[in-house]
Amino acid sequence: MRVYIEFMADNINTVFEHELKRLEQRVDALVRVCDQLQDENRSLKQRQDVLTAERANLLQKNEQVRARVEAMIGRLKAMEQGT
């Protein structure tokens, strides 16, 4: 009977160790995924900052071009009325 109890205890310990290792592997995999997601998130935020700055620059250039075109139209109308 004692041998059977020791066998069962060893078997339970083996199962427990196996499940613990499996859980450890899953936790390690989750940590890797979290690290990857943090890196990706950081990269996306940097890209968003770059795109936001580019957009602001393009809006400013667009406004400058619009002002120049309006000024040219004004000069053309003035020339047309002067002749």
N, C-alpha and C. Protein backbone atom coordinates (compact mmCIF):
# COMPACT_ATOMS: atom_id res chain seq x y z
N MET A 1 0.82 -1.19 0.00
CA MET A 1 0.00 0.00 0.00
C MET A 1 0.87 1.26 0.00
N ARG A 2 1.93 1.20 0.80
CA ARG A 2 2.83 2.35 0.88
C ARG A 2 3.47 2.65 -0.48
N VAL A 3 3.85 1.61 -1.21
CA VAL A 3 4.45 1.75 -2.53
C VAL A 3 3.44 2.40 -3.47
N TYR A 4 2.20 2.00 -3.38
CA TYR A 4 1.15 2.57 -4.22
C TYR A 4 0.95 4.06 -3.91
N ILE A 5 0.98 4.41 -2.64
CA ILE A 5 0.81 5.82 -2.22
C ILE A 5 1.99 6.64 -2.74
N GLU A 6 3.20 6.10 -2.62
CA GLU A 6 4.38 6.81 -3.12
C GLU A 6 4.31 6.96 -4.64
N PHE A 7 3.86 5.92 -5.31
CA PHE A 7 3.70 5.98 -6.76
C PHE A 7 2.70 7.07 -7.14
N MET A 8 1.57 7.11 -6.46
CA MET A 8 0.54 8.12 -6.74
C MET A 8 1.07 9.52 -6.44
N ALA A 9 1.82 9.68 -5.36
CA ALA A 9 2.39 10.98 -5.02
C ALA A 9 3.38 11.42 -6.09
N ASP A 10 4.21 10.48 -6.55
CA ASP A 10 5.16 10.81 -7.62
C ASP A 10 4.42 11.17 -8.90
N ASN A 11 3.36 10.43 -9.19
CA ASN A 11 2.57 10.68 -10.39
C ASN A 11 1.92 12.07 -10.31
N ILE A 12 1.38 12.40 -9.16
CA ILE A 12 0.75 13.72 -8.97
C ILE A 12 1.79 14.81 -9.12
N ASN A 13 2.98 14.60 -8.54
CA ASN A 13 4.05 15.59 -8.66
C ASN A 13 4.48 15.75 -10.11
N THR A 14 4.56 14.66 -10.85
CA THR A 14 4.94 14.72 -12.26
C THR A 14 3.91 15.50 -13.05
N VAL A 15 2.63 15.22 -12.82
CA VAL A 15 1.56 15.93 -13.52
C VAL A 15 1.61 17.41 -13.15
N PHE A 16 1.79 17.69 -11.87
CA PHE A 16 1.85 19.08 -11.40
C PHE A 16 3.03 19.80 -12.06
N GLU A 17 4.20 19.18 -12.10
CA GLU A 17 5.38 19.79 -12.71
C GLU A 17 5.16 20.02 -14.20
N HIS A 18 4.52 19.06 -14.86
CA HIS A 18 4.23 19.20 -16.29
C HIS A 18 3.29 20.40 -16.52
N GLU A 19 2.24 20.50 -15.73
CA GLU A 19 1.30 21.61 -15.87
C GLU A 19 1.96 22.94 -15.53
N LEU A 20 2.83 22.93 -14.54
CA LEU A 20 3.55 24.15 -14.17
C LEU A 20 4.47 24.60 -15.30
N LYS A 21 5.16 23.66 -15.91
CA LYS A 21 6.02 24.00 -17.06
C LYS A 21 5.19 24.55 -18.21
N ARG A 22 4.05 23.93 -18.48
CA ARG A 22 3.17 24.38 -19.55
C ARG A 22 2.69 25.81 -19.27
N LEU A 23 2.33 26.06 -18.04
CA LEU A 23 1.89 27.41 -17.66
C LEU A 23 3.03 28.41 -17.79
N GLU A 24 4.22 28.00 -17.40
CA GLU A 24 5.39 28.87 -17.52
C GLU A 24 5.66 29.21 -19.00
N GLN A 25 5.52 28.24 -19.87
CA GLN A 25 5.72 28.49 -21.30
C GLN A 25 4.67 29.45 -21.84
N ARG A 26 3.45 29.30 -21.40
CA ARG A 26 2.38 30.20 -21.85
C ARG A 26 2.62 31.62 -21.35
N VAL A 27 3.07 31.75 -20.11
CA VAL A 27 3.36 33.07 -19.56
C VAL A 27 4.52 33.70 -20.33
N ASP A 28 5.54 32.92 -20.63
CA ASP A 28 6.68 33.43 -21.42
C ASP A 28 6.22 33.90 -22.80
N ALA A 29 5.32 33.13 -23.41
CA ALA A 29 4.80 33.52 -24.73
C ALA A 29 4.01 34.82 -24.62
N LEU A 30 3.23 34.98 -23.58
CA LEU A 30 2.46 36.21 -23.38
C LEU A 30 3.39 37.41 -23.15
N VAL A 31 4.46 37.19 -22.42
CA VAL A 31 5.43 38.26 -22.19
C VAL A 31 6.06 38.69 -23.52
N ARG A 32 6.39 37.71 -24.37
CA ARG A 32 6.96 38.05 -25.68
C ARG A 32 5.96 38.83 -26.52
N VAL A 33 4.71 38.42 -26.50
CA VAL A 33 3.68 39.13 -27.27
C VAL A 33 3.52 40.55 -26.73
N CYS A 34 3.52 40.71 -25.42
CA CYS A 34 3.41 42.05 -24.83
C CYS A 34 4.59 42.92 -25.25
N ASP A 35 5.79 42.36 -25.23
CA ASP A 35 6.97 43.12 -25.66
C ASP A 35 6.84 43.54 -27.12
N GLN A 36 6.39 42.61 -27.96
CA GLN A 36 6.23 42.93 -29.38
C GLN A 36 5.18 44.03 -29.57
N LEU A 37 4.09 43.93 -28.83
CA LEU A 37 3.03 44.94 -28.96
C LEU A 37 3.50 46.30 -28.47
N GLN A 38 4.30 46.32 -27.41
CA GLN A 38 4.84 47.59 -26.92
C GLN A 38 5.76 48.21 -27.96
N ASP A 39 6.61 47.39 -28.58
CA ASP A 39 7.50 47.90 -29.63
C ASP A 39 6.69 48.43 -30.80
N GLU A 40 5.67 47.68 -31.21
CA GLU A 40 4.83 48.11 -32.33
C GLU A 40 4.09 49.39 -31.99
N ASN A 41 3.58 49.48 -30.77
CA ASN A 41 2.86 50.67 -30.34
C ASN A 41 3.78 51.89 -30.34
N ARG A 42 5.00 51.70 -29.85
CA ARG A 42 5.98 52.80 -29.83
C ARG A 42 6.28 53.26 -31.26
N SER A 43 6.46 52.29 -32.15
CA SER A 43 6.76 52.60 -33.55
C SER A 43 5.58 53.33 -34.20
N LEU A 44 4.37 52.87 -33.94
CA LEU A 44 3.19 53.52 -34.51
C LEU A 44 3.02 54.94 -34.00
N LYS A 45 3.31 55.15 -32.72
CA LYS A 45 3.21 56.51 -32.17
C LYS A 45 4.24 57.43 -32.82
N GLN A 46 5.45 56.92 -33.04
CA GLN A 46 6.47 57.72 -33.71
C GLN A 46 6.04 58.05 -35.13
N ARG A 47 5.49 57.06 -35.83
CA ARG A 47 5.03 57.28 -37.20
C ARG A 47 3.89 58.29 -37.23
N GLN A 48 3.00 58.20 -36.26
CA GLN A 48 1.89 59.16 -36.18
C GLN A 48 2.42 60.57 -35.96
N ASP A 49 3.43 60.72 -35.10
CA ASP A 49 4.02 62.03 -34.86
C ASP A 49 4.62 62.60 -36.15
N VAL A 50 5.32 61.74 -36.91
CA VAL A 50 5.92 62.18 -38.17
C VAL A 50 4.83 62.61 -39.15
N LEU A 51 3.78 61.78 -39.26
CA LEU A 51 2.70 62.10 -40.20
C LEU A 51 1.95 63.36 -39.78
N THR A 52 1.78 63.56 -38.49
CA THR A 52 1.11 64.78 -38.01
C THR A 52 1.94 66.01 -38.36
N ALA A 53 3.25 65.92 -38.19
CA ALA A 53 4.13 67.04 -38.53
C ALA A 53 4.11 67.29 -40.04
N GLU A 54 4.14 66.22 -40.83
CA GLU A 54 4.08 66.38 -42.30
C GLU A 54 2.76 67.02 -42.71
N ARG A 55 1.68 66.61 -42.09
CA ARG A 55 0.36 67.18 -42.41
C ARG A 55 0.33 68.67 -42.08
N ALA A 56 0.85 69.03 -40.93
CA ALA A 56 0.88 70.45 -40.55
C ALA A 56 1.71 71.25 -41.55
N ASN A 57 2.83 70.69 -41.98
CA ASN A 57 3.69 71.35 -42.96
C ASN A 57 2.96 71.52 -44.29
N LEU A 58 2.27 70.46 -44.73
CA LEU A 58 1.54 70.55 -45.99
C LEU A 58 0.38 71.55 -45.91
N LEU A 59 -0.30 71.59 -44.78
CA LEU A 59 -1.38 72.57 -44.61
C LEU A 59 -0.83 74.00 -44.68
N GLN A 60 0.34 74.21 -44.07
CA GLN A 60 0.96 75.54 -44.11
C GLN A 60 1.35 75.90 -45.54
N LYS A 61 1.95 74.97 -46.26
CA LYS A 61 2.33 75.24 -47.64
C LYS A 61 1.09 75.49 -48.50
N ASN A 62 0.04 74.73 -48.26
CA ASN A 62 -1.20 74.91 -49.00
C ASN A 62 -1.77 76.31 -48.77
N GLU A 63 -1.72 76.75 -47.54
CA GLU A 63 -2.21 78.09 -47.22
C GLU A 63 -1.36 79.17 -47.91
N GLN A 64 -0.06 78.96 -47.94
CA GLN A 64 0.82 79.92 -48.61
C GLN A 64 0.52 79.98 -50.11
N VAL A 65 0.34 78.82 -50.72
CA VAL A 65 0.03 78.77 -52.16
C VAL A 65 -1.31 79.43 -52.42
N ARG A 66 -2.30 79.16 -51.57
CA ARG A 66 -3.62 79.76 -51.74
C ARG A 66 -3.52 81.28 -51.67
N ALA A 67 -2.76 81.79 -50.73
CA ALA A 67 -2.59 83.24 -50.59
C ALA A 67 -1.91 83.83 -51.83
N ARG A 68 -0.89 83.12 -52.34
CA ARG A 68 -0.19 83.62 -53.54
C ARG A 68 -1.12 83.62 -54.76
N VAL A 69 -1.92 82.55 -54.90
CA VAL A 69 -2.85 82.48 -56.04
C VAL A 69 -3.88 83.60 -55.93
N GLU A 70 -4.41 83.81 -54.73
CA GLU A 70 -5.37 84.89 -54.55
C GLU A 70 -4.75 86.26 -54.86
N ALA A 71 -3.49 86.43 -54.50
CA ALA A 71 -2.80 87.69 -54.80
C ALA A 71 -2.63 87.85 -56.31
N MET A 72 -2.28 86.75 -57.00
CA MET A 72 -2.13 86.82 -58.46
C MET A 72 -3.47 87.15 -59.11
N ILE A 73 -4.53 86.52 -58.65
CA ILE A 73 -5.85 86.81 -59.20
C ILE A 73 -6.21 88.28 -58.98
N GLY A 74 -5.90 88.79 -57.83
CA GLY A 74 -6.15 90.20 -57.53
C GLY A 74 -5.36 91.10 -58.46
N ARG A 75 -4.10 90.78 -58.71
CA ARG A 75 -3.29 91.61 -59.61
C ARG A 75 -3.81 91.53 -61.06
N LEU A 76 -4.21 90.30 -61.47
CA LEU A 76 -4.77 90.16 -62.82
C LEU A 76 -6.05 90.96 -62.97
N LYS A 77 -6.91 90.95 -61.99
CA LYS A 77 -8.14 91.73 -62.06
C LYS A 77 -7.84 93.22 -62.10
N ALA A 78 -6.83 93.63 -61.33
CA ALA A 78 -6.44 95.04 -61.32
C ALA A 78 -5.87 95.45 -62.68
N MET A 79 -5.07 94.55 -63.28
CA MET A 79 -4.53 94.84 -64.61
C MET A 79 -5.64 94.91 -65.65
N GLU A 80 -6.60 94.02 -65.52
CA GLU A 80 -7.72 93.98 -66.46
C GLU A 80 -8.57 95.25 -66.36
N GLN A 81 -8.76 95.73 -65.19
CA GLN A 81 -9.56 96.95 -64.99
C GLN A 81 -8.75 98.18 -65.40
N GLY A 82 -7.44 98.10 -65.37
CA GLY A 82 -6.59 99.24 -65.73
C GLY A 82 -6.49 99.44 -67.23
N THR A 83 -6.82 98.43 -68.01
CA THR A 83 -6.69 98.60 -69.46
C THR A 83 -7.97 98.98 -70.12
